[in-house]
Amino acid sequence: MKSLLTAACLLSLLCACVTSRPDHFYILSTQPQGAREARTAPAAQVSLRVTLPSLVDRSEMILNTSANGIIVLDHERWAAPLADLATQTLARDLELRRSDMLVAGQNAGRSDAAVKVTVDLVQLTVRRGERASIEAHWRIIDLRNGGDVIGSEVFSAPVAQGGYAPVPQALSECLGLLADRLAGQMPRP
């Protein structure tokens, strides 16, 4: 009986050692990286709200395996909620492109915003070693003069080979392309 109990304990410890894998955490980055423009005093406050589908707004990284299939990567994780990472990254990307604006997430409590930007990332598709794409729908409202711009587009970037680190880089590049488009459509002071 004692040897059976010892064997069961050893087997349990062995199983725990075999299934233990470290988690890896990822963030999105401002694009282009390292580029900093001299900032002027911002002439306009911008309120930014970004939404994502619940399928991808989770702590685990999601990859597409086929037209209707996905894989959830339990040990490849976002360091914060993906919606928060996307909002923060897009806000910094916009400020890089438009030094005349100060962009804050909608949850930052800014009531003095002159421009309101709402972005719905309706679909994120990532195929490891191939491409990442973001389908975005947006609305830009100039609260100073009532201007209203609505748009949508799909932005894509290549996903380099090698591990999972190229996935957030490709998504960051997609957000940078979205920022290019939004910055061009946002009102001038």
N, C-alpha and C. Protein backbone atom coordinates (compact mmCIF):
# COMPACT_ATOMS: atom_id res chain seq x y z
N MET A 1 0.83 -1.19 0.00
CA MET A 1 0.00 0.00 0.00
C MET A 1 0.87 1.26 0.00
N LYS A 2 1.96 1.22 0.82
CA LYS A 2 2.85 2.38 0.89
C LYS A 2 3.56 2.61 -0.44
N SER A 3 3.98 1.54 -1.11
CA SER A 3 4.64 1.69 -2.40
C SER A 3 3.68 2.18 -3.47
N LEU A 4 2.41 1.80 -3.38
CA LEU A 4 1.40 2.28 -4.32
C LEU A 4 1.18 3.78 -4.15
N LEU A 5 1.13 4.22 -2.89
CA LEU A 5 0.96 5.64 -2.60
C LEU A 5 2.18 6.44 -3.07
N THR A 6 3.37 5.91 -2.86
CA THR A 6 4.60 6.57 -3.30
C THR A 6 4.63 6.67 -4.83
N ALA A 7 4.26 5.60 -5.50
CA ALA A 7 4.23 5.60 -6.96
C ALA A 7 3.22 6.62 -7.48
N ALA A 8 2.07 6.73 -6.84
CA ALA A 8 1.04 7.69 -7.25
C ALA A 8 1.54 9.12 -7.07
N CYS A 9 2.24 9.36 -5.96
CA CYS A 9 2.80 10.71 -5.72
C CYS A 9 3.86 11.05 -6.76
N LEU A 10 4.73 10.11 -7.05
CA LEU A 10 5.76 10.34 -8.06
C LEU A 10 5.16 10.59 -9.44
N LEU A 11 4.16 9.82 -9.78
CA LEU A 11 3.48 10.00 -11.07
C LEU A 11 2.82 11.38 -11.13
N SER A 12 2.21 11.79 -10.04
CA SER A 12 1.57 13.10 -9.98
C SER A 12 2.60 14.22 -10.16
N LEU A 13 3.74 14.11 -9.48
CA LEU A 13 4.80 15.11 -9.62
C LEU A 13 5.36 15.13 -11.03
N LEU A 14 5.54 13.97 -11.61
CA LEU A 14 6.05 13.88 -12.98
C LEU A 14 5.09 14.54 -13.96
N CYS A 15 3.81 14.30 -13.81
CA CYS A 15 2.80 14.92 -14.69
C CYS A 15 2.82 16.44 -14.54
N ALA A 16 2.97 16.93 -13.32
CA ALA A 16 3.00 18.38 -13.09
C ALA A 16 4.21 19.00 -13.77
N CYS A 17 5.34 18.32 -13.76
CA CYS A 17 6.55 18.84 -14.41
C CYS A 17 6.42 18.86 -15.93
N VAL A 18 5.79 17.85 -16.48
CA VAL A 18 5.67 17.72 -17.93
C VAL A 18 4.73 18.76 -18.51
N THR A 19 3.64 19.09 -17.82
CA THR A 19 2.64 19.99 -18.38
C THR A 19 2.93 21.46 -18.10
N SER A 20 3.94 21.77 -17.33
CA SER A 20 4.24 23.15 -16.99
C SER A 20 4.99 23.83 -18.13
N ARG A 21 4.36 24.86 -18.70
CA ARG A 21 4.98 25.68 -19.74
C ARG A 21 4.91 27.12 -19.32
N PRO A 22 5.94 27.90 -19.57
CA PRO A 22 5.88 29.31 -19.18
C PRO A 22 4.95 30.10 -20.10
N ASP A 23 4.34 31.11 -19.53
CA ASP A 23 3.51 32.02 -20.32
C ASP A 23 4.41 33.12 -20.90
N HIS A 24 4.09 33.58 -22.10
CA HIS A 24 4.78 34.69 -22.74
C HIS A 24 3.76 35.82 -22.91
N PHE A 25 4.17 37.03 -22.61
CA PHE A 25 3.26 38.18 -22.67
C PHE A 25 3.71 39.16 -23.73
N TYR A 26 2.73 39.77 -24.42
CA TYR A 26 3.01 40.64 -25.56
C TYR A 26 2.24 41.95 -25.42
N ILE A 27 2.78 43.00 -26.05
CA ILE A 27 2.13 44.30 -26.14
C ILE A 27 2.13 44.73 -27.59
N LEU A 28 1.37 45.76 -27.90
CA LEU A 28 1.40 46.40 -29.22
C LEU A 28 2.35 47.59 -29.13
N SER A 29 2.86 48.04 -30.26
CA SER A 29 3.82 49.15 -30.24
C SER A 29 3.44 50.22 -31.25
N THR A 30 3.81 51.44 -30.91
CA THR A 30 3.56 52.59 -31.77
C THR A 30 4.36 52.44 -33.06
N GLN A 31 3.75 52.84 -34.17
CA GLN A 31 4.39 52.71 -35.48
C GLN A 31 4.49 54.08 -36.14
N PRO A 32 5.55 54.45 -36.77
CA PRO A 32 6.80 53.71 -36.83
C PRO A 32 7.52 53.83 -35.49
N GLN A 33 8.22 52.77 -35.12
CA GLN A 33 8.91 52.74 -33.84
C GLN A 33 10.07 53.73 -33.84
N GLY A 34 10.25 54.36 -32.69
CA GLY A 34 11.37 55.28 -32.53
C GLY A 34 11.13 56.67 -33.09
N ALA A 35 10.08 56.86 -33.88
CA ALA A 35 9.82 58.18 -34.47
C ALA A 35 9.12 59.07 -33.45
N ARG A 36 9.71 60.20 -33.17
CA ARG A 36 9.10 61.18 -32.27
C ARG A 36 9.21 62.54 -32.93
N GLU A 37 8.08 63.16 -33.10
CA GLU A 37 8.01 64.48 -33.71
C GLU A 37 7.96 65.51 -32.59
N ALA A 38 8.54 66.67 -32.82
CA ALA A 38 8.46 67.74 -31.83
C ALA A 38 6.99 68.11 -31.65
N ARG A 39 6.55 68.11 -30.41
CA ARG A 39 5.15 68.40 -30.14
C ARG A 39 4.94 69.89 -29.93
N THR A 40 3.87 70.38 -30.49
CA THR A 40 3.43 71.74 -30.22
C THR A 40 2.36 71.64 -29.14
N ALA A 41 1.95 72.77 -28.63
CA ALA A 41 0.83 72.75 -27.69
C ALA A 41 -0.39 72.26 -28.46
N PRO A 42 -1.01 71.17 -28.01
CA PRO A 42 -2.14 70.63 -28.78
C PRO A 42 -3.28 71.63 -28.89
N ALA A 43 -3.75 71.80 -30.11
CA ALA A 43 -4.86 72.72 -30.36
C ALA A 43 -6.20 72.04 -30.15
N ALA A 44 -6.22 70.72 -30.18
CA ALA A 44 -7.49 69.99 -30.06
C ALA A 44 -7.33 68.77 -29.17
N GLN A 45 -8.33 68.58 -28.33
CA GLN A 45 -8.41 67.38 -27.50
C GLN A 45 -9.26 66.37 -28.27
N VAL A 46 -8.80 65.13 -28.32
CA VAL A 46 -9.50 64.08 -29.05
C VAL A 46 -9.87 62.96 -28.09
N SER A 47 -11.12 62.54 -28.15
CA SER A 47 -11.59 61.40 -27.38
C SER A 47 -11.64 60.21 -28.33
N LEU A 48 -10.97 59.11 -27.95
CA LEU A 48 -10.88 57.92 -28.79
C LEU A 48 -11.50 56.73 -28.08
N ARG A 49 -12.38 56.03 -28.79
CA ARG A 49 -12.96 54.79 -28.27
C ARG A 49 -12.73 53.71 -29.31
N VAL A 50 -12.14 52.59 -28.88
CA VAL A 50 -11.88 51.46 -29.77
C VAL A 50 -12.58 50.24 -29.20
N THR A 51 -13.33 49.53 -30.05
CA THR A 51 -13.97 48.29 -29.62
C THR A 51 -13.46 47.14 -30.48
N LEU A 52 -13.46 45.96 -29.90
CA LEU A 52 -13.04 44.73 -30.58
C LEU A 52 -14.10 43.67 -30.38
N PRO A 53 -14.15 42.68 -31.28
CA PRO A 53 -15.06 41.56 -31.07
C PRO A 53 -14.62 40.77 -29.83
N SER A 54 -15.58 40.27 -29.07
CA SER A 54 -15.25 39.53 -27.85
C SER A 54 -14.42 38.28 -28.14
N LEU A 55 -14.52 37.74 -29.33
CA LEU A 55 -13.74 36.55 -29.69
C LEU A 55 -12.25 36.79 -29.54
N VAL A 56 -11.78 37.99 -29.88
CA VAL A 56 -10.34 38.27 -29.81
C VAL A 56 -9.96 39.14 -28.62
N ASP A 57 -10.91 39.80 -27.99
CA ASP A 57 -10.60 40.65 -26.84
C ASP A 57 -10.53 39.79 -25.58
N ARG A 58 -9.47 39.03 -25.49
CA ARG A 58 -9.25 38.11 -24.38
C ARG A 58 -7.77 38.09 -24.08
N SER A 59 -7.39 37.49 -23.00
CA SER A 59 -5.98 37.51 -22.60
C SER A 59 -5.12 36.62 -23.48
N GLU A 60 -5.68 35.54 -24.02
CA GLU A 60 -4.90 34.64 -24.87
C GLU A 60 -4.85 35.16 -26.30
N MET A 61 -3.73 34.91 -26.97
CA MET A 61 -3.60 35.25 -28.37
C MET A 61 -4.44 34.27 -29.18
N ILE A 62 -5.09 34.77 -30.22
CA ILE A 62 -5.94 33.95 -31.10
C ILE A 62 -5.33 33.97 -32.50
N LEU A 63 -5.20 32.81 -33.10
CA LEU A 63 -4.74 32.71 -34.49
C LEU A 63 -5.79 32.02 -35.33
N ASN A 64 -5.91 32.41 -36.58
CA ASN A 64 -6.82 31.77 -37.51
C ASN A 64 -6.13 30.56 -38.13
N THR A 65 -6.85 29.45 -38.19
CA THR A 65 -6.29 28.24 -38.78
C THR A 65 -6.90 27.95 -40.14
N SER A 66 -8.12 28.44 -40.37
CA SER A 66 -8.82 28.27 -41.65
C SER A 66 -9.88 29.35 -41.73
N ALA A 67 -10.69 29.29 -42.75
CA ALA A 67 -11.74 30.31 -42.91
C ALA A 67 -12.66 30.36 -41.70
N ASN A 68 -12.95 29.23 -41.10
CA ASN A 68 -13.87 29.18 -39.96
C ASN A 68 -13.23 28.63 -38.70
N GLY A 69 -11.92 28.48 -38.66
CA GLY A 69 -11.27 27.88 -37.51
C GLY A 69 -10.28 28.82 -36.84
N ILE A 70 -10.18 28.69 -35.52
CA ILE A 70 -9.20 29.46 -34.75
C ILE A 70 -8.50 28.52 -33.77
N ILE A 71 -7.40 29.00 -33.25
CA ILE A 71 -6.71 28.31 -32.17
C ILE A 71 -6.45 29.34 -31.07
N VAL A 72 -6.72 28.94 -29.84
CA VAL A 72 -6.49 29.79 -28.67
C VAL A 72 -5.16 29.35 -28.07
N LEU A 73 -4.22 30.26 -27.98
CA LEU A 73 -2.88 29.95 -27.48
C LEU A 73 -2.82 30.26 -25.98
N ASP A 74 -2.94 29.22 -25.17
CA ASP A 74 -3.02 29.40 -23.73
C ASP A 74 -1.78 30.05 -23.12
N HIS A 75 -0.61 29.84 -23.70
CA HIS A 75 0.62 30.35 -23.10
C HIS A 75 1.19 31.57 -23.82
N GLU A 76 0.51 32.04 -24.85
CA GLU A 76 0.89 33.27 -25.56
C GLU A 76 -0.21 34.28 -25.24
N ARG A 77 0.10 35.27 -24.41
CA ARG A 77 -0.93 36.13 -23.83
C ARG A 77 -0.63 37.62 -24.05
N TRP A 78 -1.69 38.40 -24.03
CA TRP A 78 -1.55 39.86 -24.08
C TRP A 78 -1.27 40.33 -22.66
N ALA A 79 -0.43 41.33 -22.51
CA ALA A 79 -0.05 41.85 -21.19
C ALA A 79 -1.17 42.66 -20.55
N ALA A 80 -2.16 43.06 -21.32
CA ALA A 80 -3.32 43.82 -20.84
C ALA A 80 -4.48 43.46 -21.77
N PRO A 81 -5.70 43.88 -21.43
CA PRO A 81 -6.80 43.60 -22.37
C PRO A 81 -6.47 44.17 -23.76
N LEU A 82 -6.73 43.38 -24.79
CA LEU A 82 -6.37 43.78 -26.15
C LEU A 82 -7.05 45.08 -26.56
N ALA A 83 -8.28 45.32 -26.12
CA ALA A 83 -8.96 46.58 -26.44
C ALA A 83 -8.20 47.77 -25.85
N ASP A 84 -7.68 47.61 -24.64
CA ASP A 84 -6.90 48.69 -24.02
C ASP A 84 -5.58 48.91 -24.78
N LEU A 85 -4.91 47.81 -25.12
CA LEU A 85 -3.66 47.93 -25.88
C LEU A 85 -3.89 48.60 -27.23
N ALA A 86 -4.96 48.22 -27.92
CA ALA A 86 -5.27 48.81 -29.22
C ALA A 86 -5.59 50.30 -29.09
N THR A 87 -6.35 50.67 -28.06
CA THR A 87 -6.70 52.08 -27.84
C THR A 87 -5.45 52.91 -27.55
N GLN A 88 -4.61 52.44 -26.64
CA GLN A 88 -3.40 53.17 -26.28
C GLN A 88 -2.45 53.30 -27.46
N THR A 89 -2.29 52.23 -28.21
CA THR A 89 -1.37 52.25 -29.35
C THR A 89 -1.89 53.17 -30.45
N LEU A 90 -3.19 53.08 -30.75
CA LEU A 90 -3.77 53.94 -31.79
C LEU A 90 -3.70 55.41 -31.36
N ALA A 91 -3.92 55.69 -30.08
CA ALA A 91 -3.84 57.07 -29.59
C ALA A 91 -2.43 57.63 -29.80
N ARG A 92 -1.41 56.86 -29.44
CA ARG A 92 -0.02 57.32 -29.62
C ARG A 92 0.31 57.44 -31.10
N ASP A 93 -0.18 56.49 -31.92
CA ASP A 93 0.04 56.57 -33.37
C ASP A 93 -0.55 57.86 -33.94
N LEU A 94 -1.75 58.22 -33.50
CA LEU A 94 -2.39 59.44 -33.99
C LEU A 94 -1.60 60.67 -33.56
N GLU A 95 -1.12 60.68 -32.32
CA GLU A 95 -0.34 61.82 -31.85
C GLU A 95 0.98 61.94 -32.61
N LEU A 96 1.56 60.82 -33.02
CA LEU A 96 2.78 60.88 -33.85
C LEU A 96 2.50 61.56 -35.18
N ARG A 97 1.33 61.32 -35.72
CA ARG A 97 0.98 61.85 -37.03
C ARG A 97 0.38 63.26 -36.98
N ARG A 98 -0.20 63.60 -35.85
CA ARG A 98 -0.85 64.90 -35.69
C ARG A 98 -0.41 65.52 -34.36
N SER A 99 0.69 66.24 -34.39
CA SER A 99 1.22 66.83 -33.16
C SER A 99 0.31 67.94 -32.62
N ASP A 100 -0.68 68.37 -33.41
CA ASP A 100 -1.61 69.41 -32.97
C ASP A 100 -2.75 68.84 -32.14
N MET A 101 -2.75 67.52 -31.88
CA MET A 101 -3.84 66.89 -31.13
C MET A 101 -3.31 66.11 -29.95
N LEU A 102 -4.10 66.11 -28.88
CA LEU A 102 -3.85 65.28 -27.72
C LEU A 102 -4.96 64.25 -27.67
N VAL A 103 -4.60 62.97 -27.78
CA VAL A 103 -5.60 61.90 -27.90
C VAL A 103 -5.65 61.12 -26.60
N ALA A 104 -6.85 60.97 -26.07
CA ALA A 104 -7.05 60.20 -24.84
C ALA A 104 -8.16 59.19 -25.07
N GLY A 105 -8.01 58.04 -24.43
CA GLY A 105 -9.07 57.04 -24.49
C GLY A 105 -10.33 57.59 -23.86
N GLN A 106 -11.46 57.09 -24.29
CA GLN A 106 -12.75 57.58 -23.80
C GLN A 106 -12.86 57.42 -22.29
N ASN A 107 -12.22 56.42 -21.73
CA ASN A 107 -12.30 56.19 -20.29
C ASN A 107 -11.40 57.12 -19.49
N ALA A 108 -10.68 58.02 -20.15
CA ALA A 108 -9.77 58.92 -19.46
C ALA A 108 -10.51 60.08 -18.78
N GLY A 109 -11.81 60.19 -18.99
CA GLY A 109 -12.61 61.20 -18.32
C GLY A 109 -12.52 62.58 -18.92
N ARG A 110 -12.17 62.71 -20.17
CA ARG A 110 -12.07 64.01 -20.83
C ARG A 110 -13.45 64.44 -21.32
N SER A 111 -13.91 65.56 -20.81
CA SER A 111 -15.20 66.09 -21.27
C SER A 111 -14.99 67.29 -22.19
N ASP A 112 -13.72 67.73 -22.35
CA ASP A 112 -13.43 68.91 -23.15
C ASP A 112 -12.96 68.57 -24.56
N ALA A 113 -13.25 67.37 -25.01
CA ALA A 113 -12.79 66.93 -26.33
C ALA A 113 -13.44 67.75 -27.43
N ALA A 114 -12.62 68.14 -28.41
CA ALA A 114 -13.12 68.87 -29.58
C ALA A 114 -13.47 67.90 -30.70
N VAL A 115 -12.85 66.72 -30.68
CA VAL A 115 -13.08 65.71 -31.70
C VAL A 115 -13.33 64.38 -31.01
N LYS A 116 -14.32 63.68 -31.51
CA LYS A 116 -14.65 62.36 -30.97
C LYS A 116 -14.43 61.33 -32.07
N VAL A 117 -13.59 60.32 -31.78
CA VAL A 117 -13.28 59.28 -32.76
C VAL A 117 -13.73 57.94 -32.18
N THR A 118 -14.56 57.23 -32.93
CA THR A 118 -15.00 55.90 -32.54
C THR A 118 -14.53 54.93 -33.61
N VAL A 119 -13.80 53.89 -33.17
CA VAL A 119 -13.28 52.89 -34.10
C VAL A 119 -13.77 51.52 -33.65
N ASP A 120 -14.45 50.83 -34.55
CA ASP A 120 -14.87 49.45 -34.30
C ASP A 120 -13.98 48.55 -35.14
N LEU A 121 -13.14 47.78 -34.47
CA LEU A 121 -12.33 46.78 -35.16
C LEU A 121 -13.21 45.54 -35.26
N VAL A 122 -13.93 45.42 -36.37
CA VAL A 122 -14.96 44.39 -36.49
C VAL A 122 -14.40 43.01 -36.75
N GLN A 123 -13.17 42.94 -37.26
CA GLN A 123 -12.56 41.62 -37.49
C GLN A 123 -11.05 41.74 -37.44
N LEU A 124 -10.42 40.83 -36.70
CA LEU A 124 -8.97 40.69 -36.67
C LEU A 124 -8.67 39.28 -37.14
N THR A 125 -7.84 39.18 -38.15
CA THR A 125 -7.45 37.88 -38.69
C THR A 125 -5.94 37.79 -38.66
N VAL A 126 -5.42 36.73 -38.06
CA VAL A 126 -3.98 36.54 -37.99
C VAL A 126 -3.66 35.11 -38.40
N ARG A 127 -2.87 34.99 -39.44
CA ARG A 127 -2.35 33.70 -39.86
C ARG A 127 -0.84 33.73 -39.67
N ARG A 128 -0.37 32.96 -38.72
CA ARG A 128 1.05 32.94 -38.35
C ARG A 128 1.90 32.63 -39.58
N GLY A 129 2.92 33.45 -39.78
CA GLY A 129 3.82 33.26 -40.91
C GLY A 129 3.25 33.76 -42.22
N GLU A 130 2.04 34.33 -42.20
CA GLU A 130 1.42 34.84 -43.44
C GLU A 130 1.06 36.32 -43.29
N ARG A 131 -0.19 36.61 -42.90
CA ARG A 131 -0.67 38.00 -42.83
C ARG A 131 -1.55 38.21 -41.61
N ALA A 132 -1.57 39.45 -41.17
CA ALA A 132 -2.52 39.91 -40.17
C ALA A 132 -3.36 40.99 -40.83
N SER A 133 -4.64 41.01 -40.52
CA SER A 133 -5.49 42.07 -41.06
C SER A 133 -6.51 42.52 -40.02
N ILE A 134 -6.85 43.78 -40.12
CA ILE A 134 -7.84 44.40 -39.25
C ILE A 134 -8.87 45.07 -40.13
N GLU A 135 -10.12 44.69 -39.97
CA GLU A 135 -11.20 45.40 -40.64
C GLU A 135 -11.75 46.43 -39.66
N ALA A 136 -11.64 47.71 -40.03
CA ALA A 136 -12.03 48.79 -39.13
C ALA A 136 -13.14 49.63 -39.75
N HIS A 137 -14.08 50.01 -38.90
CA HIS A 137 -15.12 50.98 -39.25
C HIS A 137 -14.94 52.13 -38.27
N TRP A 138 -15.02 53.38 -38.76
CA TRP A 138 -14.79 54.51 -37.86
C TRP A 138 -15.74 55.66 -38.14
N ARG A 139 -15.83 56.50 -37.13
CA ARG A 139 -16.61 57.73 -37.23
C ARG A 139 -15.84 58.81 -36.50
N ILE A 140 -15.65 59.94 -37.19
CA ILE A 140 -14.94 61.08 -36.62
C ILE A 140 -15.93 62.23 -36.56
N ILE A 141 -16.18 62.74 -35.38
CA ILE A 141 -17.13 63.84 -35.19
C ILE A 141 -16.36 65.05 -34.68
N ASP A 142 -16.42 66.15 -35.42
CA ASP A 142 -15.83 67.41 -34.99
C ASP A 142 -16.89 68.14 -34.19
N LEU A 143 -16.74 68.15 -32.87
CA LEU A 143 -17.76 68.74 -32.00
C LEU A 143 -17.76 70.26 -32.05
N ARG A 144 -16.73 70.85 -32.68
CA ARG A 144 -16.67 72.31 -32.79
C ARG A 144 -17.59 72.83 -33.88
N ASN A 145 -17.65 72.11 -35.03
CA ASN A 145 -18.45 72.62 -36.14
C ASN A 145 -19.44 71.59 -36.69
N GLY A 146 -19.56 70.45 -36.05
CA GLY A 146 -20.54 69.45 -36.47
C GLY A 146 -20.11 68.58 -37.63
N GLY A 147 -18.85 68.67 -38.04
CA GLY A 147 -18.38 67.80 -39.13
C GLY A 147 -18.43 66.33 -38.73
N ASP A 148 -18.71 65.48 -39.71
CA ASP A 148 -18.88 64.05 -39.43
C ASP A 148 -18.29 63.26 -40.60
N VAL A 149 -17.33 62.38 -40.30
CA VAL A 149 -16.70 61.55 -41.32
C VAL A 149 -16.89 60.09 -40.91
N ILE A 150 -17.36 59.29 -41.84
CA ILE A 150 -17.54 57.85 -41.60
C ILE A 150 -16.71 57.11 -42.64
N GLY A 151 -16.03 56.06 -42.20
CA GLY A 151 -15.22 55.29 -43.13
C GLY A 151 -15.04 53.86 -42.68
N SER A 152 -14.52 53.05 -43.58
CA SER A 152 -14.17 51.67 -43.25
C SER A 152 -13.14 51.18 -44.25
N GLU A 153 -12.30 50.26 -43.79
CA GLU A 153 -11.26 49.72 -44.65
C GLU A 153 -10.63 48.52 -43.96
N VAL A 154 -9.95 47.71 -44.74
CA VAL A 154 -9.19 46.59 -44.21
C VAL A 154 -7.71 46.94 -44.34
N PHE A 155 -6.98 46.80 -43.24
CA PHE A 155 -5.55 47.09 -43.20
C PHE A 155 -4.82 45.78 -42.92
N SER A 156 -3.75 45.52 -43.68
CA SER A 156 -3.04 44.26 -43.47
C SER A 156 -1.54 44.47 -43.48
N ALA A 157 -0.85 43.51 -42.85
CA ALA A 157 0.61 43.55 -42.78
C ALA A 157 1.11 42.11 -42.73
N PRO A 158 2.31 41.88 -43.24
CA PRO A 158 2.86 40.52 -43.19
C PRO A 158 3.23 40.12 -41.76
N VAL A 159 3.09 38.84 -41.47
CA VAL A 159 3.53 38.27 -40.19
C VAL A 159 4.79 37.47 -40.49
N ALA A 160 5.89 37.90 -39.93
CA ALA A 160 7.17 37.22 -40.17
C ALA A 160 7.16 35.82 -39.57
N GLN A 161 8.04 34.99 -40.08
CA GLN A 161 8.21 33.64 -39.54
C GLN A 161 8.94 33.71 -38.20
N GLY A 162 8.75 32.68 -37.39
CA GLY A 162 9.54 32.57 -36.16
C GLY A 162 8.80 32.97 -34.91
N GLY A 163 8.26 32.01 -34.23
CA GLY A 163 7.63 32.26 -32.94
C GLY A 163 6.36 33.07 -33.05
N TYR A 164 5.96 33.62 -31.91
CA TYR A 164 4.71 34.39 -31.86
C TYR A 164 4.95 35.90 -31.76
N ALA A 165 6.17 36.35 -31.50
CA ALA A 165 6.47 37.78 -31.39
C ALA A 165 6.12 38.57 -32.66
N PRO A 166 6.21 37.99 -33.86
CA PRO A 166 5.82 38.75 -35.05
C PRO A 166 4.32 39.08 -35.13
N VAL A 167 3.49 38.37 -34.37
CA VAL A 167 2.04 38.62 -34.42
C VAL A 167 1.71 40.02 -33.89
N PRO A 168 2.14 40.40 -32.66
CA PRO A 168 1.83 41.76 -32.21
C PRO A 168 2.49 42.84 -33.08
N GLN A 169 3.65 42.55 -33.65
CA GLN A 169 4.29 43.51 -34.55
C GLN A 169 3.42 43.76 -35.78
N ALA A 170 2.87 42.70 -36.36
CA ALA A 170 2.01 42.86 -37.54
C ALA A 170 0.72 43.60 -37.19
N LEU A 171 0.13 43.28 -36.04
CA LEU A 171 -1.09 44.00 -35.62
C LEU A 171 -0.77 45.47 -35.35
N SER A 172 0.40 45.75 -34.79
CA SER A 172 0.82 47.14 -34.57
C SER A 172 0.96 47.87 -35.90
N GLU A 173 1.50 47.21 -36.91
CA GLU A 173 1.62 47.82 -38.23
C GLU A 173 0.24 48.10 -38.82
N CYS A 174 -0.71 47.21 -38.62
CA CYS A 174 -2.08 47.44 -39.09
C CYS A 174 -2.68 48.67 -38.41
N LEU A 175 -2.46 48.80 -37.10
CA LEU A 175 -2.96 49.98 -36.38
C LEU A 175 -2.26 51.25 -36.88
N GLY A 176 -0.99 51.16 -37.23
CA GLY A 176 -0.28 52.30 -37.79
C GLY A 176 -0.88 52.75 -39.12
N LEU A 177 -1.26 51.78 -39.95
CA LEU A 177 -1.92 52.11 -41.23
C LEU A 177 -3.28 52.75 -40.98
N LEU A 178 -4.01 52.25 -39.99
CA LEU A 178 -5.30 52.85 -39.62
C LEU A 178 -5.07 54.28 -39.14
N ALA A 179 -4.03 54.50 -38.33
CA ALA A 179 -3.74 55.85 -37.84
C ALA A 179 -3.42 56.80 -39.00
N ASP A 180 -2.71 56.31 -40.01
CA ASP A 180 -2.44 57.14 -41.20
C ASP A 180 -3.75 57.62 -41.81
N ARG A 181 -4.69 56.70 -41.96
CA ARG A 181 -5.97 57.05 -42.59
C ARG A 181 -6.77 58.02 -41.73
N LEU A 182 -6.85 57.73 -40.41
CA LEU A 182 -7.62 58.59 -39.52
C LEU A 182 -7.01 59.98 -39.42
N ALA A 183 -5.70 60.06 -39.33
CA ALA A 183 -5.03 61.37 -39.21
C ALA A 183 -5.32 62.25 -40.41
N GLY A 184 -5.40 61.64 -41.58
CA GLY A 184 -5.70 62.39 -42.80
C GLY A 184 -7.14 62.87 -42.85
N GLN A 185 -8.04 62.18 -42.15
CA GLN A 185 -9.46 62.53 -42.18
C GLN A 185 -9.89 63.39 -40.99
N MET A 186 -9.04 63.53 -39.99
CA MET A 186 -9.40 64.32 -38.83
C MET A 186 -9.32 65.81 -39.15
N PRO A 187 -10.21 66.60 -38.55
CA PRO A 187 -10.24 68.04 -38.87
C PRO A 187 -8.98 68.76 -38.41
N ARG A 188 -8.62 69.79 -39.15
CA ARG A 188 -7.48 70.65 -38.79
C ARG A 188 -7.98 71.76 -37.87
N PRO A 189 -7.13 72.20 -36.94
CA PRO A 189 -7.54 73.29 -36.03
C PRO A 189 -7.76 74.59 -36.73
